[in-house]
Amino acid sequence: MNPKRLKQSVIDIVKLIPKEKVMYFGQIANKIGTSPRTVGWIMSGLSQEECDSIPWYRVVAKDGYISSVKMGLKGQAQKQLLLTEKYLVIDDHVDMDKHLFFEN
């Protein structure tokens, strides 16, 4: 898959994540036939315009870790957006039992 199509596929899936739910990088990767690392790379490279138009902050690590907290301000913004939407976050981890999205 070419890089533009791959990125658009990731964006299309992220747009489907409903409020109060999250997906992890591997779930998205499995849906489009790529690696979780590639999904993370795409997510970390989103423009501000893309971030403003999709719920990028609803994508976390498999264990619920808000991995962007390692990135400083972007991570704090992600955590704050999740808290604003009433996600249960403990020690930079989203409660996956409560918030994991299983798309049919």
PDB file of N, CA and C in Angstrom:
ATOM      1  N   MET A   1       0.855  -1.175   0.000  1.00  0.00           N
ATOM      2  CA  MET A   1       0.000   0.000   0.000  1.00  0.00           C
ATOM      3  C   MET A   1       0.899   1.235   0.000  1.00  0.00           C
ATOM      4  N   ASN A   2       0.557   2.207  -0.834  1.00  0.00           N
ATOM      5  CA  ASN A   2       1.396   3.402  -0.878  1.00  0.00           C
ATOM      6  C   ASN A   2       1.213   4.232   0.394  1.00  0.00           C
ATOM      7  N   PRO A   3       2.209   5.032   0.750  1.00  0.00           N
ATOM      8  CA  PRO A   3       2.180   5.763   2.029  1.00  0.00           C
ATOM      9  C   PRO A   3       0.955   6.668   2.215  1.00  0.00           C
ATOM     10  N   LYS A   4       0.521   7.352   1.171  1.00  0.00           N
ATOM     11  CA  LYS A   4      -0.654   8.228   1.301  1.00  0.00           C
ATOM     12  C   LYS A   4      -1.907   7.419   1.597  1.00  0.00           C
ATOM     13  N   ARG A   5      -2.046   6.292   0.912  1.00  0.00           N
ATOM     14  CA  ARG A   5      -3.224   5.436   1.129  1.00  0.00           C
ATOM     15  C   ARG A   5      -3.179   4.812   2.524  1.00  0.00           C
ATOM     16  N   LEU A   6      -1.983   4.425   2.950  1.00  0.00           N
ATOM     17  CA  LEU A   6      -1.811   3.852   4.282  1.00  0.00           C
ATOM     18  C   LEU A   6      -2.224   4.866   5.349  1.00  0.00           C
ATOM     19  N   LYS A   7      -1.750   6.079   5.209  1.00  0.00           N
ATOM     20  CA  LYS A   7      -2.102   7.129   6.162  1.00  0.00           C
ATOM     21  C   LYS A   7      -3.604   7.378   6.162  1.00  0.00           C
ATOM     22  N   GLN A   8      -4.196   7.440   4.976  1.00  0.00           N
ATOM     23  CA  GLN A   8      -5.635   7.677   4.902  1.00  0.00           C
ATOM     24  C   GLN A   8      -6.415   6.528   5.522  1.00  0.00           C
ATOM     25  N   SER A   9      -5.934   5.308   5.375  1.00  0.00           N
ATOM     26  CA  SER A   9      -6.596   4.152   5.991  1.00  0.00           C
ATOM     27  C   SER A   9      -6.580   4.267   7.512  1.00  0.00           C
ATOM     28  N   VAL A  10      -5.445   4.693   8.070  1.00  0.00           N
ATOM     29  CA  VAL A  10      -5.349   4.901   9.519  1.00  0.00           C
ATOM     30  C   VAL A  10      -6.338   5.984   9.944  1.00  0.00           C
ATOM     31  N   ILE A  11      -6.339   7.094   9.243  1.00  0.00           N
ATOM     32  CA  ILE A  11      -7.247   8.204   9.570  1.00  0.00           C
ATOM     33  C   ILE A  11      -8.692   7.759   9.504  1.00  0.00           C
ATOM     34  N   ASP A  12      -9.045   6.997   8.473  1.00  0.00           N
ATOM     35  CA  ASP A  12     -10.434   6.529   8.324  1.00  0.00           C
ATOM     36  C   ASP A  12     -10.875   5.688   9.516  1.00  0.00           C
ATOM     37  N   ILE A  13      -9.998   4.845  10.031  1.00  0.00           N
ATOM     38  CA  ILE A  13     -10.333   4.020  11.200  1.00  0.00           C
ATOM     39  C   ILE A  13     -10.432   4.874  12.450  1.00  0.00           C
ATOM     40  N   VAL A  14      -9.493   5.775  12.639  1.00  0.00           N
ATOM     41  CA  VAL A  14      -9.503   6.624  13.830  1.00  0.00           C
ATOM     42  C   VAL A  14     -10.796   7.447  13.892  1.00  0.00           C
ATOM     43  N   LYS A  15     -11.273   7.892  12.758  1.00  0.00           N
ATOM     44  CA  LYS A  15     -12.520   8.666  12.713  1.00  0.00           C
ATOM     45  C   LYS A  15     -13.712   7.876  13.257  1.00  0.00           C
ATOM     46  N   LEU A  16     -13.633   6.565  13.213  1.00  0.00           N
ATOM     47  CA  LEU A  16     -14.744   5.708  13.651  1.00  0.00           C
ATOM     48  C   LEU A  16     -14.767   5.436  15.155  1.00  0.00           C
ATOM     49  N   ILE A  17     -13.718   5.807  15.858  1.00  0.00           N
ATOM     50  CA  ILE A  17     -13.647   5.507  17.299  1.00  0.00           C
ATOM     51  C   ILE A  17     -14.634   6.407  18.035  1.00  0.00           C
ATOM     52  N   PRO A  18     -15.636   5.805  18.674  1.00  0.00           N
ATOM     53  CA  PRO A  18     -16.645   6.628  19.347  1.00  0.00           C
ATOM     54  C   PRO A  18     -16.136   7.231  20.659  1.00  0.00           C
ATOM     55  N   LYS A  19     -16.827   8.245  21.083  1.00  0.00           N
ATOM     56  CA  LYS A  19     -16.524   8.885  22.358  1.00  0.00           C
ATOM     57  C   LYS A  19     -16.563   7.828  23.460  1.00  0.00           C
ATOM     58  N   GLU A  20     -15.685   7.955  24.425  1.00  0.00           N
ATOM     59  CA  GLU A  20     -15.539   7.056  25.575  1.00  0.00           C
ATOM     60  C   GLU A  20     -14.932   5.701  25.223  1.00  0.00           C
ATOM     61  N   LYS A  21     -14.416   5.574  24.000  1.00  0.00           N
ATOM     62  CA  LYS A  21     -13.748   4.335  23.592  1.00  0.00           C
ATOM     63  C   LYS A  21     -12.369   4.659  23.049  1.00  0.00           C
ATOM     64  N   VAL A  22     -11.488   3.685  23.086  1.00  0.00           N
ATOM     65  CA  VAL A  22     -10.153   3.811  22.502  1.00  0.00           C
ATOM     66  C   VAL A  22      -9.843   2.568  21.679  1.00  0.00           C
ATOM     67  N   MET A  23      -8.900   2.710  20.781  1.00  0.00           N
ATOM     68  CA  MET A  23      -8.323   1.577  20.071  1.00  0.00           C
ATOM     69  C   MET A  23      -6.825   1.634  20.322  1.00  0.00           C
ATOM     70  N   TYR A  24      -6.177   0.495  20.170  1.00  0.00           N
ATOM     71  CA  TYR A  24      -4.725   0.485  20.298  1.00  0.00           C
ATOM     72  C   TYR A  24      -4.088   0.307  18.920  1.00  0.00           C
ATOM     73  N   PHE A  25      -2.834   0.683  18.846  1.00  0.00           N
ATOM     74  CA  PHE A  25      -2.136   0.702  17.569  1.00  0.00           C
ATOM     75  C   PHE A  25      -2.254  -0.626  16.811  1.00  0.00           C
ATOM     76  N   GLY A  26      -2.132  -1.737  17.524  1.00  0.00           N
ATOM     77  CA  GLY A  26      -2.197  -3.050  16.888  1.00  0.00           C
ATOM     78  C   GLY A  26      -3.553  -3.367  16.290  1.00  0.00           C
ATOM     79  N   GLN A  27      -4.626  -2.901  16.917  1.00  0.00           N
ATOM     80  CA  GLN A  27      -5.957  -3.115  16.343  1.00  0.00           C
ATOM     81  C   GLN A  27      -6.054  -2.448  14.976  1.00  0.00           C
ATOM     82  N   ILE A  28      -5.607  -1.216  14.912  1.00  0.00           N
ATOM     83  CA  ILE A  28      -5.652  -0.478  13.653  1.00  0.00           C
ATOM     84  C   ILE A  28      -4.744  -1.147  12.630  1.00  0.00           C
ATOM     85  N   ALA A  29      -3.557  -1.533  13.058  1.00  0.00           N
ATOM     86  CA  ALA A  29      -2.601  -2.184  12.164  1.00  0.00           C
ATOM     87  C   ALA A  29      -3.181  -3.465  11.572  1.00  0.00           C
ATOM     88  N   ASN A  30      -3.835  -4.273  12.389  1.00  0.00           N
ATOM     89  CA  ASN A  30      -4.421  -5.524  11.903  1.00  0.00           C
ATOM     90  C   ASN A  30      -5.502  -5.281  10.863  1.00  0.00           C
ATOM     91  N   LYS A  31      -6.243  -4.212  11.014  1.00  0.00           N
ATOM     92  CA  LYS A  31      -7.324  -3.910  10.074  1.00  0.00           C
ATOM     93  C   LYS A  31      -6.802  -3.520   8.695  1.00  0.00           C
ATOM     94  N   ILE A  32      -5.615  -2.931   8.647  1.00  0.00           N
ATOM     95  CA  ILE A  32      -5.115  -2.463   7.350  1.00  0.00           C
ATOM     96  C   ILE A  32      -3.873  -3.208   6.868  1.00  0.00           C
ATOM     97  N   GLY A  33      -3.441  -4.193   7.634  1.00  0.00           N
ATOM     98  CA  GLY A  33      -2.325  -5.030   7.191  1.00  0.00           C
ATOM     99  C   GLY A  33      -0.964  -4.375   7.278  1.00  0.00           C
ATOM    100  N   THR A  34      -0.713  -3.719   8.401  1.00  0.00           N
ATOM    101  CA  THR A  34       0.599  -3.116   8.625  1.00  0.00           C
ATOM    102  C   THR A  34       1.016  -3.395  10.062  1.00  0.00           C
ATOM    103  N   SER A  35       2.082  -2.771  10.506  1.00  0.00           N
ATOM    104  CA  SER A  35       2.564  -3.012  11.863  1.00  0.00           C
ATOM    105  C   SER A  35       2.068  -1.926  12.823  1.00  0.00           C
ATOM    106  N   PRO A  36       1.965  -2.262  14.108  1.00  0.00           N
ATOM    107  CA  PRO A  36       1.605  -1.238  15.097  1.00  0.00           C
ATOM    108  C   PRO A  36       2.587  -0.071  15.092  1.00  0.00           C
ATOM    109  N   ARG A  37       3.842  -0.349  14.877  1.00  0.00           N
ATOM    110  CA  ARG A  37       4.862   0.705  14.836  1.00  0.00           C
ATOM    111  C   ARG A  37       4.584   1.685  13.694  1.00  0.00           C
ATOM    112  N   THR A  38       4.156   1.164  12.555  1.00  0.00           N
ATOM    113  CA  THR A  38       3.822   2.032  11.422  1.00  0.00           C
ATOM    114  C   THR A  38       2.636   2.923  11.763  1.00  0.00           C
ATOM    115  N   VAL A  39       1.632   2.349  12.419  1.00  0.00           N
ATOM    116  CA  VAL A  39       0.478   3.150  12.830  1.00  0.00           C
ATOM    117  C   VAL A  39       0.929   4.250  13.794  1.00  0.00           C
ATOM    118  N   GLY A  40       1.789   3.912  14.739  1.00  0.00           N
ATOM    119  CA  GLY A  40       2.309   4.905  15.672  1.00  0.00           C
ATOM    120  C   GLY A  40       3.076   6.001  14.961  1.00  0.00           C
ATOM    121  N   TRP A  41       3.862   5.633  13.991  1.00  0.00           N
ATOM    122  CA  TRP A  41       4.628   6.595  13.214  1.00  0.00           C
ATOM    123  C   TRP A  41       3.688   7.546  12.472  1.00  0.00           C
ATOM    124  N   ILE A  42       2.644   6.981  11.863  1.00  0.00           N
ATOM    125  CA  ILE A  42       1.665   7.810  11.155  1.00  0.00           C
ATOM    126  C   ILE A  42       0.959   8.753  12.129  1.00  0.00           C
ATOM    127  N   MET A  43       0.548   8.212  13.264  1.00  0.00           N
ATOM    128  CA  MET A  43      -0.160   9.034  14.253  1.00  0.00           C
ATOM    129  C   MET A  43       0.725  10.165  14.775  1.00  0.00           C
ATOM    130  N   SER A  44       2.000   9.889  14.986  1.00  0.00           N
ATOM    131  CA  SER A  44       2.896  10.922  15.518  1.00  0.00           C
ATOM    132  C   SER A  44       3.187  12.007  14.492  1.00  0.00           C
ATOM    133  N   GLY A  45       2.956  11.707  13.221  1.00  0.00           N
ATOM    134  CA  GLY A  45       3.238  12.671  12.166  1.00  0.00           C
ATOM    135  C   GLY A  45       2.028  13.441  11.667  1.00  0.00           C
ATOM    136  N   LEU A  46       0.886  13.302  12.350  1.00  0.00           N
ATOM    137  CA  LEU A  46      -0.305  14.026  11.905  1.00  0.00           C
ATOM    138  C   LEU A  46      -0.099  15.528  12.021  1.00  0.00           C
ATOM    139  N   SER A  47      -0.619  16.247  11.052  1.00  0.00           N
ATOM    140  CA  SER A  47      -0.553  17.707  11.099  1.00  0.00           C
ATOM    141  C   SER A  47      -1.547  18.234  12.129  1.00  0.00           C
ATOM    142  N   GLN A  48      -1.408  19.496  12.480  1.00  0.00           N
ATOM    143  CA  GLN A  48      -2.351  20.106  13.413  1.00  0.00           C
ATOM    144  C   GLN A  48      -3.762  20.077  12.840  1.00  0.00           C
ATOM    145  N   GLU A  49      -3.887  20.314  11.545  1.00  0.00           N
ATOM    146  CA  GLU A  49      -5.193  20.275  10.883  1.00  0.00           C
ATOM    147  C   GLU A  49      -5.815  18.880  11.001  1.00  0.00           C
ATOM    148  N   GLU A  50      -5.009  17.854  10.795  1.00  0.00           N
ATOM    149  CA  GLU A  50      -5.517  16.485  10.926  1.00  0.00           C
ATOM    150  C   GLU A  50      -5.904  16.198  12.373  1.00  0.00           C
ATOM    151  N   CYS A  51      -5.087  16.641  13.311  1.00  0.00           N
ATOM    152  CA  CYS A  51      -5.397  16.434  14.730  1.00  0.00           C
ATOM    153  C   CYS A  51      -6.694  17.139  15.118  1.00  0.00           C
ATOM    154  N   ASP A  52      -6.941  18.284  14.503  1.00  0.00           N
ATOM    155  CA  ASP A  52      -8.160  19.026  14.807  1.00  0.00           C
ATOM    156  C   ASP A  52      -9.413  18.362  14.234  1.00  0.00           C
ATOM    157  N   SER A  53      -9.237  17.493  13.235  1.00  0.00           N
ATOM    158  CA  SER A  53     -10.400  16.919  12.553  1.00  0.00           C
ATOM    159  C   SER A  53     -10.691  15.463  12.900  1.00  0.00           C
ATOM    160  N   ILE A  54      -9.797  14.807  13.641  1.00  0.00           N
ATOM    161  CA  ILE A  54     -10.039  13.405  14.023  1.00  0.00           C
ATOM    162  C   ILE A  54      -9.721  13.209  15.505  1.00  0.00           C
ATOM    163  N   PRO A  55     -10.307  12.190  16.127  1.00  0.00           N
ATOM    164  CA  PRO A  55     -10.038  11.931  17.550  1.00  0.00           C
ATOM    165  C   PRO A  55      -8.755  11.127  17.759  1.00  0.00           C
ATOM    166  N   TRP A  56      -7.635  11.685  17.336  1.00  0.00           N
ATOM    167  CA  TRP A  56      -6.334  11.027  17.396  1.00  0.00           C
ATOM    168  C   TRP A  56      -5.978  10.573  18.805  1.00  0.00           C
ATOM    169  N   TYR A  57      -6.454  11.313  19.770  1.00  0.00           N
ATOM    170  CA  TYR A  57      -6.116  11.053  21.176  1.00  0.00           C
ATOM    171  C   TYR A  57      -6.785   9.788  21.698  1.00  0.00           C
ATOM    172  N   ARG A  58      -7.674   9.192  20.938  1.00  0.00           N
ATOM    173  CA  ARG A  58      -8.337   7.946  21.335  1.00  0.00           C
ATOM    174  C   ARG A  58      -7.554   6.710  20.901  1.00  0.00           C
ATOM    175  N   VAL A  59      -6.316   6.882  20.495  1.00  0.00           N
ATOM    176  CA  VAL A  59      -5.443   5.763  20.120  1.00  0.00           C
ATOM    177  C   VAL A  59      -4.322   5.691  21.155  1.00  0.00           C
ATOM    178  N   VAL A  60      -4.222   4.531  21.794  1.00  0.00           N
ATOM    179  CA  VAL A  60      -3.256   4.320  22.868  1.00  0.00           C
ATOM    180  C   VAL A  60      -2.527   2.995  22.647  1.00  0.00           C
ATOM    181  N   ALA A  61      -1.588   2.687  23.515  1.00  0.00           N
ATOM    182  CA  ALA A  61      -0.888   1.400  23.456  1.00  0.00           C
ATOM    183  C   ALA A  61      -1.837   0.276  23.902  1.00  0.00           C
ATOM    184  N   LYS A  62      -1.475  -0.942  23.600  1.00  0.00           N
ATOM    185  CA  LYS A  62      -2.325  -2.096  23.884  1.00  0.00           C
ATOM    186  C   LYS A  62      -2.702  -2.203  25.358  1.00  0.00           C
ATOM    187  N   ASP A  63      -1.791  -1.808  26.236  1.00  0.00           N
ATOM    188  CA  ASP A  63      -2.072  -1.887  27.673  1.00  0.00           C
ATOM    189  C   ASP A  63      -2.769  -0.631  28.208  1.00  0.00           C
ATOM    190  N   GLY A  64      -3.131   0.274  27.293  1.00  0.00           N
ATOM    191  CA  GLY A  64      -3.813   1.498  27.684  1.00  0.00           C
ATOM    192  C   GLY A  64      -2.881   2.670  27.930  1.00  0.00           C
ATOM    193  N   TYR A  65      -1.584   2.446  27.828  1.00  0.00           N
ATOM    194  CA  TYR A  65      -0.620   3.507  28.091  1.00  0.00           C
ATOM    195  C   TYR A  65      -0.763   4.621  27.060  1.00  0.00           C
ATOM    196  N   ILE A  66      -0.792   5.830  27.534  1.00  0.00           N
ATOM    197  CA  ILE A  66      -0.833   7.002  26.665  1.00  0.00           C
ATOM    198  C   ILE A  66       0.612   7.266  26.255  1.00  0.00           C
ATOM    199  N   SER A  67       1.036   6.594  25.201  1.00  0.00           N
ATOM    200  CA  SER A  67       2.460   6.586  24.849  1.00  0.00           C
ATOM    201  C   SER A  67       2.980   7.950  24.424  1.00  0.00           C
ATOM    202  N   SER A  68       2.107   8.849  24.024  1.00  0.00           N
ATOM    203  CA  SER A  68       2.588  10.167  23.624  1.00  0.00           C
ATOM    204  C   SER A  68       3.031  11.011  24.812  1.00  0.00           C
ATOM    205  N   VAL A  69       2.788  10.557  26.047  1.00  0.00           N
ATOM    206  CA  VAL A  69       3.277  11.338  27.191  1.00  0.00           C
ATOM    207  C   VAL A  69       4.794  11.462  27.152  1.00  0.00           C
ATOM    208  N   LYS A  70       5.448  10.541  26.456  1.00  0.00           N
ATOM    209  CA  LYS A  70       6.893  10.619  26.284  1.00  0.00           C
ATOM    210  C   LYS A  70       7.282  11.795  25.390  1.00  0.00           C
ATOM    211  N   MET A  71       6.297  12.342  24.661  1.00  0.00           N
ATOM    212  CA  MET A  71       6.551  13.431  23.714  1.00  0.00           C
ATOM    213  C   MET A  71       6.336  14.807  24.354  1.00  0.00           C
ATOM    214  N   GLY A  72       6.062  14.847  25.627  1.00  0.00           N
ATOM    215  CA  GLY A  72       5.915  16.135  26.291  1.00  0.00           C
ATOM    216  C   GLY A  72       4.539  16.761  26.112  1.00  0.00           C
ATOM    217  N   LEU A  73       4.494  17.925  25.476  1.00  0.00           N
ATOM    218  CA  LEU A  73       3.244  18.683  25.375  1.00  0.00           C
ATOM    219  C   LEU A  73       2.145  17.931  24.639  1.00  0.00           C
ATOM    220  N   LYS A  74       2.497  17.223  23.573  1.00  0.00           N
ATOM    221  CA  LYS A  74       1.476  16.472  22.841  1.00  0.00           C
ATOM    222  C   LYS A  74       0.870  15.395  23.737  1.00  0.00           C
ATOM    223  N   GLY A  75       1.693  14.751  24.507  1.00  0.00           N
ATOM    224  CA  GLY A  75       1.203  13.724  25.425  1.00  0.00           C
ATOM    225  C   GLY A  75       0.316  14.297  26.505  1.00  0.00           C
ATOM    226  N   GLN A  76       0.697  15.445  27.033  1.00  0.00           N
ATOM    227  CA  GLN A  76      -0.139  16.081  28.045  1.00  0.00           C
ATOM    228  C   GLN A  76      -1.468  16.514  27.437  1.00  0.00           C
ATOM    229  N   ALA A  77      -1.429  16.977  26.173  1.00  0.00           N
ATOM    230  CA  ALA A  77      -2.669  17.353  25.481  1.00  0.00           C
ATOM    231  C   ALA A  77      -3.560  16.121  25.295  1.00  0.00           C
ATOM    232  N   GLN A  78      -2.961  14.986  24.921  1.00  0.00           N
ATOM    233  CA  GLN A  78      -3.735  13.760  24.738  1.00  0.00           C
ATOM    234  C   GLN A  78      -4.382  13.344  26.053  1.00  0.00           C
ATOM    235  N   LYS A  79      -3.615  13.344  27.098  1.00  0.00           N
ATOM    236  CA  LYS A  79      -4.145  12.953  28.406  1.00  0.00           C
ATOM    237  C   LYS A  79      -5.273  13.896  28.824  1.00  0.00           C
ATOM    238  N   GLN A  80      -5.094  15.188  28.619  1.00  0.00           N
ATOM    239  CA  GLN A  80      -6.119  16.159  29.005  1.00  0.00           C
ATOM    240  C   GLN A  80      -7.397  15.975  28.187  1.00  0.00           C
ATOM    241  N   LEU A  81      -7.264  15.708  26.890  1.00  0.00           N
ATOM    242  CA  LEU A  81      -8.443  15.465  26.055  1.00  0.00           C
ATOM    243  C   LEU A  81      -9.204  14.229  26.531  1.00  0.00           C
ATOM    244  N   LEU A  82      -8.473  13.184  26.886  1.00  0.00           N
ATOM    245  CA  LEU A  82      -9.119  11.970  27.399  1.00  0.00           C
ATOM    246  C   LEU A  82      -9.830  12.257  28.719  1.00  0.00           C
ATOM    247  N   LEU A  83      -9.175  12.982  29.591  1.00  0.00           N
ATOM    248  CA  LEU A  83      -9.799  13.319  30.880  1.00  0.00           C
ATOM    249  C   LEU A  83     -11.030  14.201  30.681  1.00  0.00           C
ATOM    250  N   THR A  84     -10.956  15.123  29.741  1.00  0.00           N
ATOM    251  CA  THR A  84     -12.098  16.002  29.449  1.00  0.00           C
ATOM    252  C   THR A  84     -13.297  15.197  28.977  1.00  0.00           C
ATOM    253  N   GLU A  85     -13.035  14.117  28.235  1.00  0.00           N
ATOM    254  CA  GLU A  85     -14.115  13.251  27.753  1.00  0.00           C
ATOM    255  C   GLU A  85     -14.495  12.183  28.779  1.00  0.00           C
ATOM    256  N   LYS A  86     -13.981  12.299  29.981  1.00  0.00           N
ATOM    257  CA  LYS A  86     -14.362  11.434  31.113  1.00  0.00           C
ATOM    258  C   LYS A  86     -13.829  10.012  31.027  1.00  0.00           C
ATOM    259  N   TYR A  87     -12.672   9.834  30.402  1.00  0.00           N
ATOM    260  CA  TYR A  87     -12.030   8.525  30.416  1.00  0.00           C
ATOM    261  C   TYR A  87     -11.433   8.288  31.793  1.00  0.00           C
ATOM    262  N   LEU A  88     -11.413   7.036  32.206  1.00  0.00           N
ATOM    263  CA  LEU A  88     -10.747   6.670  33.450  1.00  0.00           C
ATOM    264  C   LEU A  88      -9.269   6.474  33.132  1.00  0.00           C
ATOM    265  N   VAL A  89      -8.428   7.384  33.648  1.00  0.00           N
ATOM    266  CA  VAL A  89      -6.989   7.357  33.403  1.00  0.00           C
ATOM    267  C   VAL A  89      -6.278   7.277  34.745  1.00  0.00           C
ATOM    268  N   ILE A  90      -5.440   6.241  34.885  1.00  0.00           N
ATOM    269  CA  ILE A  90      -4.660   6.059  36.104  1.00  0.00           C
ATOM    270  C   ILE A  90      -3.206   5.873  35.703  1.00  0.00           C
ATOM    271  N   ASP A  91      -2.324   6.700  36.249  1.00  0.00           N
ATOM    272  CA  ASP A  91      -0.882   6.599  35.957  1.00  0.00           C
ATOM    273  C   ASP A  91      -0.590   6.559  34.454  1.00  0.00           C
ATOM    274  N   ASP A  92      -1.194   7.457  33.715  1.00  0.00           N
ATOM    275  CA  ASP A  92      -0.996   7.577  32.267  1.00  0.00           C
ATOM    276  C   ASP A  92      -1.483   6.362  31.483  1.00  0.00           C
ATOM    277  N   HIS A  93      -2.406   5.613  32.062  1.00  0.00           N
ATOM    278  CA  HIS A  93      -3.022   4.465  31.394  1.00  0.00           C
ATOM    279  C   HIS A  93      -4.541   4.637  31.377  1.00  0.00           C
ATOM    280  N   VAL A  94      -5.138   4.389  30.214  1.00  0.00           N
ATOM    281  CA  VAL A  94      -6.589   4.364  30.085  1.00  0.00           C
ATOM    282  C   VAL A  94      -7.073   2.995  30.548  1.00  0.00           C
ATOM    283  N   ASP A  95      -8.171   2.956  31.262  1.00  0.00           N
ATOM    284  CA  ASP A  95      -8.762   1.691  31.699  1.00  0.00           C
ATOM    285  C   ASP A  95      -9.311   0.956  30.476  1.00  0.00           C
ATOM    286  N   MET A  96      -8.573  -0.040  30.000  1.00  0.00           N
ATOM    287  CA  MET A  96      -8.948  -0.758  28.784  1.00  0.00           C
ATOM    288  C   MET A  96     -10.180  -1.632  28.985  1.00  0.00           C
ATOM    289  N   ASP A  97     -10.407  -2.110  30.200  1.00  0.00           N
ATOM    290  CA  ASP A  97     -11.612  -2.901  30.444  1.00  0.00           C
ATOM    291  C   ASP A  97     -12.861  -2.067  30.201  1.00  0.00           C
ATOM    292  N   LYS A  98     -12.780  -0.812  30.525  1.00  0.00           N
ATOM    293  CA  LYS A  98     -13.927   0.085  30.392  1.00  0.00           C
ATOM    294  C   LYS A  98     -14.012   0.734  29.008  1.00  0.00           C
ATOM    295  N   HIS A  99     -12.873   1.053  28.380  1.00  0.00           N
ATOM    296  CA  HIS A  99     -12.894   1.917  27.214  1.00  0.00           C
ATOM    297  C   HIS A  99     -12.489   1.280  25.892  1.00  0.00           C
ATOM    298  N   LEU A 100     -12.049   0.027  25.873  1.00  0.00           N
ATOM    299  CA  LEU A 100     -11.607  -0.579  24.631  1.00  0.00           C
ATOM    300  C   LEU A 100     -12.770  -0.732  23.650  1.00  0.00           C
ATOM    301  N   PHE A 101     -12.535  -0.289  22.414  1.00  0.00           N
ATOM    302  CA  PHE A 101     -13.537  -0.353  21.352  1.00  0.00           C
ATOM    303  C   PHE A 101     -13.315  -1.599  20.510  1.00  0.00           C
ATOM    304  N   PHE A 102     -14.352  -2.408  20.407  1.00  0.00           N
ATOM    305  CA  PHE A 102     -14.322  -3.576  19.531  1.00  0.00           C
ATOM    306  C   PHE A 102     -15.269  -3.306  18.375  1.00  0.00           C
ATOM    307  N   GLU A 103     -14.723  -2.976  17.230  1.00  0.00           N
ATOM    308  CA  GLU A 103     -15.553  -2.727  16.061  1.00  0.00           C
ATOM    309  C   GLU A 103     -15.890  -4.067  15.404  1.00  0.00           C
ATOM    310  N   ASN A 104     -17.117  -4.208  15.018  1.00  0.00           N
ATOM    311  CA  ASN A 104     -17.539  -5.448  14.334  1.00  0.00           C
ATOM    312  C   ASN A 104     -17.098  -5.468  12.900  1.00  0.00           C
TER     313      ASN A 104
END
